């Protein structure tokens, strides 16, 4: 029983360490259909889940590898103990727990991984790629995340914004870009924000605004139209004023 509990703790840690060292997500020899599973996704569906101390992001491949490793250990221990119930039950319980976790994560995140696979295959529209890159670029400008860190290090509001972008795709990314540009254009200089960081934010906001105003969809129409386009044009004046 003690060995089973040690495996329950050590197994996930060993799998996560192995995945981080081998970096399957960027390995050239790993097919895209598998490499995409090592990217970050979110099982969160409500804002309250982000505000609480819960796991906001997950990697489906890690959960799958932990499930498979626990199954292999359970089979091996079954052969050692001749499949006796008292010795085999703790390992069988671990398999059940990890399997339920994997099934839950797969149900909640499969659409996200399907979109990530399309992105890797270059099947997204050009304007969708522009909006996606602008959104994630602005997210890193608002609160930079160090290499090796994940979205869990972001503030609660930015974690929810990342959750929305992962779940809803381009519409949520566009909303985030517009709201971020408005925030940067209207924020006042705070003493705790260094001047170079403020300038960097304004520079990124000006470039993002210019890209959005010049971007068109497949039929030749402007990507941003109506009130949103008018708002972007007004934000340009505010951004330029602050940069001056």
C-alpha atoms as a PDB file:
ATOM      1  CA  UNK A   1       0.000   0.000   0.000  1.00  0.00           C
ATOM      2  CA  UNK A   2       2.834   2.403   0.881  1.00  0.00           C
ATOM      3  CA  UNK A   3       4.553   1.628  -2.443  1.00  0.00           C
ATOM      4  CA  UNK A   4       1.302   2.313  -4.278  1.00  0.00           C
ATOM      5  CA  UNK A   5       0.947   5.711  -2.600  1.00  0.00           C
ATOM      6  CA  UNK A   6       4.544   6.593  -3.454  1.00  0.00           C
ATOM      7  CA  UNK A   7       3.858   5.682  -7.080  1.00  0.00           C
ATOM      8  CA  UNK A   8       0.731   7.843  -6.991  1.00  0.00           C
ATOM      9  CA  UNK A   9       2.876  10.870  -6.096  1.00  0.00           C
ATOM     10  CA  UNK A  10       6.123  10.101  -7.924  1.00  0.00           C
ATOM     11  CA  UNK A  11       4.569   8.942 -11.198  1.00  0.00           C
ATOM     12  CA  UNK A  12       3.051  12.311 -12.261  1.00  0.00           C
ATOM     13  CA  UNK A  13       6.212  14.178 -11.231  1.00  0.00           C
ATOM     14  CA  UNK A  14       8.499  11.820 -13.176  1.00  0.00           C
ATOM     15  CA  UNK A  15       6.296  12.034 -16.292  1.00  0.00           C
ATOM     16  CA  UNK A  16       6.158  15.846 -16.165  1.00  0.00           C
ATOM     17  CA  UNK A  17       9.945  16.046 -15.720  1.00  0.00           C
ATOM     18  CA  UNK A  18      10.541  13.703 -18.666  1.00  0.00           C
ATOM     19  CA  UNK A  19       8.191  15.665 -20.937  1.00  0.00           C
ATOM     20  CA  UNK A  20       9.851  18.955 -19.991  1.00  0.00           C
ATOM     21  CA  UNK A  21      13.350  17.618 -20.669  1.00  0.00           C
ATOM     22  CA  UNK A  22      12.535  15.977 -24.013  1.00  0.00           C
ATOM     23  CA  UNK A  23      10.327  18.902 -25.170  1.00  0.00           C
ATOM     24  CA  UNK A  24       8.021  16.822 -27.381  1.00  0.00           C
ATOM     25  CA  UNK A  25       6.053  19.939 -28.327  1.00  0.00           C
ATOM     26  CA  UNK A  26       8.932  21.302 -30.444  1.00  0.00           C
ATOM     27  CA  UNK A  27      10.694  18.060 -31.391  1.00  0.00           C
ATOM     28  CA  UNK A  28      10.956  17.723 -35.177  1.00  0.00           C
ATOM     29  CA  UNK A  29      10.554  13.931 -35.090  1.00  0.00           C
ATOM     30  CA  UNK A  30       7.190  14.060 -33.305  1.00  0.00           C
ATOM     31  CA  UNK A  31       4.182  14.201 -35.711  1.00  0.00           C
ATOM     32  CA  UNK A  32       1.982  17.291 -35.415  1.00  0.00           C
ATOM     33  CA  UNK A  33      -1.021  15.198 -34.403  1.00  0.00           C
ATOM     34  CA  UNK A  34       0.926  14.109 -31.290  1.00  0.00           C
ATOM     35  CA  UNK A  35       3.043  17.219 -30.704  1.00  0.00           C
ATOM     36  CA  UNK A  36      -0.064  19.384 -30.471  1.00  0.00           C
ATOM     37  CA  UNK A  37      -1.203  17.377 -27.440  1.00  0.00           C
ATOM     38  CA  UNK A  38       1.795  18.717 -25.498  1.00  0.00           C
ATOM     39  CA  UNK A  39       0.508  22.296 -25.810  1.00  0.00           C
ATOM     40  CA  UNK A  40      -1.381  24.007 -23.013  1.00  0.00           C
ATOM     41  CA  UNK A  41      -5.178  23.950 -22.905  1.00  0.00           C
ATOM     42  CA  UNK A  42      -7.824  24.780 -20.324  1.00  0.00           C
ATOM     43  CA  UNK A  43     -10.604  22.687 -18.749  1.00  0.00           C
ATOM     44  CA  UNK A  44     -12.085  25.821 -17.147  1.00  0.00           C
ATOM     45  CA  UNK A  45     -15.570  26.875 -18.247  1.00  0.00           C
ATOM     46  CA  UNK A  46     -16.498  29.478 -15.585  1.00  0.00           C
ATOM     47  CA  UNK A  47     -14.788  32.649 -14.435  1.00  0.00           C
ATOM     48  CA  UNK A  48     -15.221  31.642 -10.793  1.00  0.00           C
ATOM     49  CA  UNK A  49     -12.996  28.611 -11.419  1.00  0.00           C
ATOM     50  CA  UNK A  50     -10.141  30.920 -12.389  1.00  0.00           C
ATOM     51  CA  UNK A  51     -10.638  33.179  -9.383  1.00  0.00           C
ATOM     52  CA  UNK A  52     -10.385  30.234  -7.010  1.00  0.00           C
ATOM     53  CA  UNK A  53      -7.146  28.336  -6.392  1.00  0.00           C
ATOM     54  CA  UNK A  54      -7.832  25.690  -9.045  1.00  0.00           C
ATOM     55  CA  UNK A  55      -5.861  24.372 -12.007  1.00  0.00           C
ATOM     56  CA  UNK A  56      -6.690  26.708 -14.882  1.00  0.00           C
ATOM     57  CA  UNK A  57      -4.511  25.039 -17.523  1.00  0.00           C
ATOM     58  CA  UNK A  58      -3.525  21.509 -18.392  1.00  0.00           C
ATOM     59  CA  UNK A  59      -1.598  19.490 -20.977  1.00  0.00           C
ATOM     60  CA  UNK A  60      -3.576  16.555 -22.320  1.00  0.00           C
ATOM     61  CA  UNK A  61      -0.492  14.547 -23.317  1.00  0.00           C
ATOM     62  CA  UNK A  62       0.833  14.661 -19.745  1.00  0.00           C
ATOM     63  CA  UNK A  63      -2.435  13.282 -18.406  1.00  0.00           C
ATOM     64  CA  UNK A  64      -2.441  10.568 -21.078  1.00  0.00           C
ATOM     65  CA  UNK A  65       1.156   9.507 -20.328  1.00  0.00           C
ATOM     66  CA  UNK A  66       0.450   9.370 -16.591  1.00  0.00           C
ATOM     67  CA  UNK A  67      -2.606   7.192 -17.269  1.00  0.00           C
ATOM     68  CA  UNK A  68      -0.629   4.792 -19.501  1.00  0.00           C
ATOM     69  CA  UNK A  69       2.280   4.608 -17.048  1.00  0.00           C
ATOM     70  CA  UNK A  70      -0.059   3.831 -14.148  1.00  0.00           C
ATOM     71  CA  UNK A  71      -1.692   1.091 -16.234  1.00  0.00           C
ATOM     72  CA  UNK A  72       1.705  -0.484 -17.011  1.00  0.00           C
ATOM     73  CA  UNK A  73       2.709  -0.404 -13.337  1.00  0.00           C
ATOM     74  CA  UNK A  74      -0.625  -1.934 -12.338  1.00  0.00           C
ATOM     75  CA  UNK A  75      -0.183  -4.794 -14.836  1.00  0.00           C
ATOM     76  CA  UNK A  76       3.376  -5.394 -13.670  1.00  0.00           C
ATOM     77  CA  UNK A  77       2.344  -5.481  -9.997  1.00  0.00           C
ATOM     78  CA  UNK A  78      -0.523  -7.764 -10.935  1.00  0.00           C
ATOM     79  CA  UNK A  79       1.893 -10.331 -12.340  1.00  0.00           C
ATOM     80  CA  UNK A  80       4.153 -10.014  -9.269  1.00  0.00           C
ATOM     81  CA  UNK A  81       1.295 -10.639  -6.831  1.00  0.00           C
ATOM     82  CA  UNK A  82      -0.540 -13.158  -9.028  1.00  0.00           C
ATOM     83  CA  UNK A  83      -3.424 -10.661  -9.346  1.00  0.00           C
ATOM     84  CA  UNK A  84      -4.357 -10.928  -5.664  1.00  0.00           C
ATOM     85  CA  UNK A  85      -6.982  -8.405  -4.654  1.00  0.00           C
ATOM     86  CA  UNK A  86      -5.427  -6.846  -1.545  1.00  0.00           C
ATOM     87  CA  UNK A  87      -2.103  -6.137  -3.238  1.00  0.00           C
ATOM     88  CA  UNK A  88      -3.522  -5.164  -6.616  1.00  0.00           C
ATOM     89  CA  UNK A  89      -6.427  -2.921  -5.595  1.00  0.00           C
ATOM     90  CA  UNK A  90      -4.377   0.251  -4.779  1.00  0.00           C
ATOM     91  CA  UNK A  91      -2.803   0.188  -8.249  1.00  0.00           C
ATOM     92  CA  UNK A  92      -6.168  -0.455  -9.872  1.00  0.00           C
ATOM     93  CA  UNK A  93      -7.540   2.546  -8.006  1.00  0.00           C
ATOM     94  CA  UNK A  94      -4.733   4.735  -9.359  1.00  0.00           C
ATOM     95  CA  UNK A  95      -5.522   3.590 -12.902  1.00  0.00           C
ATOM     96  CA  UNK A  96      -9.170   4.507 -12.398  1.00  0.00           C
ATOM     97  CA  UNK A  97      -8.338   7.972 -11.031  1.00  0.00           C
ATOM     98  CA  UNK A  98      -5.900   8.842 -13.830  1.00  0.00           C
ATOM     99  CA  UNK A  99      -8.250   7.446 -16.485  1.00  0.00           C
ATOM    100  CA  UNK A 100     -11.157   9.545 -15.246  1.00  0.00           C
ATOM    101  CA  UNK A 101      -8.913  12.623 -15.219  1.00  0.00           C
ATOM    102  CA  UNK A 102      -7.799  11.965 -18.797  1.00  0.00           C
ATOM    103  CA  UNK A 103     -11.351  11.407 -20.054  1.00  0.00           C
ATOM    104  CA  UNK A 104     -12.547  14.595 -18.338  1.00  0.00           C
ATOM    105  CA  UNK A 105      -9.708  16.687 -19.794  1.00  0.00           C
ATOM    106  CA  UNK A 106     -10.218  15.176 -23.269  1.00  0.00           C
ATOM    107  CA  UNK A 107     -13.927  16.021 -23.267  1.00  0.00           C
ATOM    108  CA  UNK A 108     -13.315  19.604 -22.134  1.00  0.00           C
ATOM    109  CA  UNK A 109     -10.301  20.386 -24.359  1.00  0.00           C
ATOM    110  CA  UNK A 110     -10.660  18.353 -27.587  1.00  0.00           C
ATOM    111  CA  UNK A 111     -11.967  21.353 -29.573  1.00  0.00           C
ATOM    112  CA  UNK A 112      -9.019  23.435 -28.436  1.00  0.00           C
ATOM    113  CA  UNK A 113      -6.540  20.795 -29.620  1.00  0.00           C
ATOM    114  CA  UNK A 114      -8.379  20.448 -32.921  1.00  0.00           C
ATOM    115  CA  UNK A 115      -7.943  24.193 -33.508  1.00  0.00           C
ATOM    116  CA  UNK A 116      -4.270  23.989 -32.475  1.00  0.00           C
ATOM    117  CA  UNK A 117      -3.778  21.158 -34.989  1.00  0.00           C
ATOM    118  CA  UNK A 118      -5.337  23.248 -37.763  1.00  0.00           C
ATOM    119  CA  UNK A 119      -2.961  26.085 -36.829  1.00  0.00           C
ATOM    120  CA  UNK A 120       0.049  23.766 -37.049  1.00  0.00           C
ATOM    121  CA  UNK A 121      -1.145  22.588 -40.466  1.00  0.00           C
ATOM    122  CA  UNK A 122      -1.495  26.188 -41.674  1.00  0.00           C
ATOM    123  CA  UNK A 123      -5.243  25.862 -42.252  1.00  0.00           C
ATOM    124  CA  UNK A 124      -6.326  29.044 -40.457  1.00  0.00           C
ATOM    125  CA  UNK A 125      -7.246  32.150 -42.450  1.00  0.00           C
ATOM    126  CA  UNK A 126      -4.575  34.889 -42.735  1.00  0.00           C
ATOM    127  CA  UNK A 127      -6.610  37.394 -40.732  1.00  0.00           C
ATOM    128  CA  UNK A 128      -7.180  34.800 -37.984  1.00  0.00           C
ATOM    129  CA  UNK A 129      -3.420  34.295 -37.729  1.00  0.00           C
ATOM    130  CA  UNK A 130      -2.855  38.049 -37.447  1.00  0.00           C
ATOM    131  CA  UNK A 131      -5.452  38.424 -34.686  1.00  0.00           C
ATOM    132  CA  UNK A 132      -4.082  35.404 -32.798  1.00  0.00           C
ATOM    133  CA  UNK A 133      -0.490  36.640 -32.899  1.00  0.00           C
ATOM    134  CA  UNK A 134      -1.524  40.138 -31.842  1.00  0.00           C
ATOM    135  CA  UNK A 135      -3.589  38.815 -28.924  1.00  0.00           C
ATOM    136  CA  UNK A 136      -0.881  36.581 -27.505  1.00  0.00           C
ATOM    137  CA  UNK A 137       1.738  39.255 -28.117  1.00  0.00           C
ATOM    138  CA  UNK A 138      -0.253  41.834 -26.160  1.00  0.00           C
ATOM    139  CA  UNK A 139      -0.833  39.299 -23.393  1.00  0.00           C
ATOM    140  CA  UNK A 140       2.925  38.909 -22.935  1.00  0.00           C
ATOM    141  CA  UNK A 141       3.305  42.708 -22.955  1.00  0.00           C
ATOM    142  CA  UNK A 142       0.765  43.208 -20.163  1.00  0.00           C
ATOM    143  CA  UNK A 143       2.362  40.628 -17.895  1.00  0.00           C
ATOM    144  CA  UNK A 144       5.504  38.874 -19.204  1.00  0.00           C
ATOM    145  CA  UNK A 145       5.863  35.182 -18.348  1.00  0.00           C
ATOM    146  CA  UNK A 146       9.367  33.812 -17.959  1.00  0.00           C
ATOM    147  CA  UNK A 147      10.513  30.791 -20.035  1.00  0.00           C
ATOM    148  CA  UNK A 148       9.300  27.570 -18.457  1.00  0.00           C
ATOM    149  CA  UNK A 149       6.360  29.273 -16.769  1.00  0.00           C
ATOM    150  CA  UNK A 150       2.749  28.808 -17.833  1.00  0.00           C
ATOM    151  CA  UNK A 151      -0.443  30.829 -17.807  1.00  0.00           C
ATOM    152  CA  UNK A 152      -0.893  29.858 -14.146  1.00  0.00           C
ATOM    153  CA  UNK A 153       1.584  32.653 -13.283  1.00  0.00           C
ATOM    154  CA  UNK A 154      -0.664  35.337 -14.744  1.00  0.00           C
ATOM    155  CA  UNK A 155      -3.072  37.437 -12.715  1.00  0.00           C
ATOM    156  CA  UNK A 156      -6.636  36.160 -12.371  1.00  0.00           C
ATOM    157  CA  UNK A 157      -8.050  38.579 -14.971  1.00  0.00           C
ATOM    158  CA  UNK A 158      -5.399  37.687 -17.548  1.00  0.00           C
ATOM    159  CA  UNK A 159      -5.818  33.977 -16.819  1.00  0.00           C
ATOM    160  CA  UNK A 160      -9.518  34.327 -17.622  1.00  0.00           C
ATOM    161  CA  UNK A 161      -8.656  36.214 -20.812  1.00  0.00           C
ATOM    162  CA  UNK A 162      -6.319  33.385 -21.807  1.00  0.00           C
ATOM    163  CA  UNK A 163      -9.011  30.827 -20.986  1.00  0.00           C
ATOM    164  CA  UNK A 164     -11.500  32.657 -23.215  1.00  0.00           C
ATOM    165  CA  UNK A 165      -9.009  32.822 -26.099  1.00  0.00           C
ATOM    166  CA  UNK A 166      -8.221  29.116 -25.832  1.00  0.00           C
ATOM    167  CA  UNK A 167     -11.873  28.147 -25.745  1.00  0.00           C
ATOM    168  CA  UNK A 168     -13.460  30.576 -28.227  1.00  0.00           C
ATOM    169  CA  UNK A 169     -10.617  31.321 -30.641  1.00  0.00           C
ATOM    170  CA  UNK A 170     -10.625  34.365 -32.945  1.00  0.00           C
ATOM    171  CA  UNK A 171     -13.722  36.205 -31.548  1.00  0.00           C
ATOM    172  CA  UNK A 172     -12.314  36.172 -28.019  1.00  0.00           C
ATOM    173  CA  UNK A 173      -8.846  37.091 -29.302  1.00  0.00           C
ATOM    174  CA  UNK A 174     -10.283  40.088 -31.159  1.00  0.00           C
ATOM    175  CA  UNK A 175     -12.172  41.234 -28.032  1.00  0.00           C
ATOM    176  CA  UNK A 176      -8.985  40.917 -25.980  1.00  0.00           C
ATOM    177  CA  UNK A 177      -6.931  42.905 -28.498  1.00  0.00           C
ATOM    178  CA  UNK A 178      -9.452  45.756 -28.593  1.00  0.00           C
ATOM    179  CA  UNK A 179      -9.881  45.891 -24.813  1.00  0.00           C
ATOM    180  CA  UNK A 180      -6.106  45.788 -24.295  1.00  0.00           C
ATOM    181  CA  UNK A 181      -5.498  48.591 -26.786  1.00  0.00           C
ATOM    182  CA  UNK A 182      -8.128  50.690 -25.015  1.00  0.00           C
ATOM    183  CA  UNK A 183      -6.522  49.965 -21.633  1.00  0.00           C
ATOM    184  CA  UNK A 184      -3.022  50.875 -22.838  1.00  0.00           C
ATOM    185  CA  UNK A 185      -4.210  54.023 -24.601  1.00  0.00           C
ATOM    186  CA  UNK A 186      -6.094  55.292 -21.540  1.00  0.00           C
ATOM    187  CA  UNK A 187      -3.849  54.220 -18.683  1.00  0.00           C
ATOM    188  CA  UNK A 188      -1.955  56.914 -16.853  1.00  0.00           C
ATOM    189  CA  UNK A 189       1.680  56.749 -15.918  1.00  0.00           C
ATOM    190  CA  UNK A 190       1.991  54.969 -12.601  1.00  0.00           C
ATOM    191  CA  UNK A 191       5.029  55.354 -10.384  1.00  0.00           C
ATOM    192  CA  UNK A 192       5.531  51.601 -10.084  1.00  0.00           C
ATOM    193  CA  UNK A 193       5.635  51.179 -13.903  1.00  0.00           C
ATOM    194  CA  UNK A 194       9.078  52.001 -15.382  1.00  0.00           C
ATOM    195  CA  UNK A 195       9.136  54.473 -18.258  1.00  0.00           C
ATOM    196  CA  UNK A 196      10.698  51.984 -20.691  1.00  0.00           C
ATOM    197  CA  UNK A 197       7.924  49.462 -19.946  1.00  0.00           C
ATOM    198  CA  UNK A 198       5.272  52.104 -20.579  1.00  0.00           C
ATOM    199  CA  UNK A 199       6.941  53.014 -23.884  1.00  0.00           C
ATOM    200  CA  UNK A 200       7.169  49.354 -24.875  1.00  0.00           C
ATOM    201  CA  UNK A 201       3.449  48.893 -24.259  1.00  0.00           C
ATOM    202  CA  UNK A 202       2.556  51.969 -26.304  1.00  0.00           C
ATOM    203  CA  UNK A 203       4.808  50.866 -29.155  1.00  0.00           C
ATOM    204  CA  UNK A 204       3.229  47.414 -29.265  1.00  0.00           C
ATOM    205  CA  UNK A 205      -0.245  48.942 -29.083  1.00  0.00           C
ATOM    206  CA  UNK A 206       0.487  51.288 -31.991  1.00  0.00           C
ATOM    207  CA  UNK A 207       1.739  48.409 -34.152  1.00  0.00           C
ATOM    208  CA  UNK A 208      -1.246  46.213 -33.262  1.00  0.00           C
ATOM    209  CA  UNK A 209      -3.661  49.023 -34.077  1.00  0.00           C
ATOM    210  CA  UNK A 210      -2.011  49.612 -37.453  1.00  0.00           C
ATOM    211  CA  UNK A 211      -2.141  45.909 -38.318  1.00  0.00           C
ATOM    212  CA  UNK A 212      -5.834  45.663 -37.448  1.00  0.00           C
ATOM    213  CA  UNK A 213      -6.822  48.733 -39.451  1.00  0.00           C
ATOM    214  CA  UNK A 214      -4.956  47.442 -42.531  1.00  0.00           C
ATOM    215  CA  UNK A 215      -6.140  43.829 -42.300  1.00  0.00           C
ATOM    216  CA  UNK A 216      -8.782  42.498 -44.699  1.00  0.00           C
ATOM    217  CA  UNK A 217     -10.713  39.197 -44.826  1.00  0.00           C
ATOM    218  CA  UNK A 218     -10.964  36.826 -47.782  1.00  0.00           C
ATOM    219  CA  UNK A 219     -13.682  38.752 -49.649  1.00  0.00           C
ATOM    220  CA  UNK A 220     -11.694  42.007 -49.521  1.00  0.00           C
ATOM    221  CA  UNK A 221     -13.723  43.654 -46.757  1.00  0.00           C
ATOM    222  CA  UNK A 222     -12.032  45.270 -43.759  1.00  0.00           C
ATOM    223  CA  UNK A 223     -11.527  42.979 -40.774  1.00  0.00           C
ATOM    224  CA  UNK A 224     -12.542  45.687 -38.303  1.00  0.00           C
ATOM    225  CA  UNK A 225     -15.620  47.673 -39.293  1.00  0.00           C
ATOM    226  CA  UNK A 226     -18.297  49.935 -37.820  1.00  0.00           C
ATOM    227  CA  UNK A 227     -17.918  51.278 -34.299  1.00  0.00           C
ATOM    228  CA  UNK A 228     -14.870  49.123 -33.634  1.00  0.00           C
ATOM    229  CA  UNK A 229     -13.021  50.760 -36.522  1.00  0.00           C
ATOM    230  CA  UNK A 230     -14.001  54.218 -35.310  1.00  0.00           C
ATOM    231  CA  UNK A 231     -12.793  53.319 -31.813  1.00  0.00           C
ATOM    232  CA  UNK A 232      -9.442  52.123 -33.174  1.00  0.00           C
ATOM    233  CA  UNK A 233      -8.980  55.353 -35.103  1.00  0.00           C
ATOM    234  CA  UNK A 234      -9.642  57.398 -31.953  1.00  0.00           C
ATOM    235  CA  UNK A 235      -7.260  55.221 -29.928  1.00  0.00           C
ATOM    236  CA  UNK A 236      -4.508  56.070 -32.398  1.00  0.00           C
ATOM    237  CA  UNK A 237      -4.662  59.723 -31.383  1.00  0.00           C
ATOM    238  CA  UNK A 238      -4.452  58.862 -27.686  1.00  0.00           C
ATOM    239  CA  UNK A 239      -1.551  56.450 -28.194  1.00  0.00           C
ATOM    240  CA  UNK A 240       0.390  58.987 -30.272  1.00  0.00           C
ATOM    241  CA  UNK A 241      -0.252  61.698 -27.675  1.00  0.00           C
ATOM    242  CA  UNK A 242       1.153  59.538 -24.874  1.00  0.00           C
ATOM    243  CA  UNK A 243       4.177  58.534 -26.987  1.00  0.00           C
ATOM    244  CA  UNK A 244       4.922  62.212 -27.641  1.00  0.00           C
END
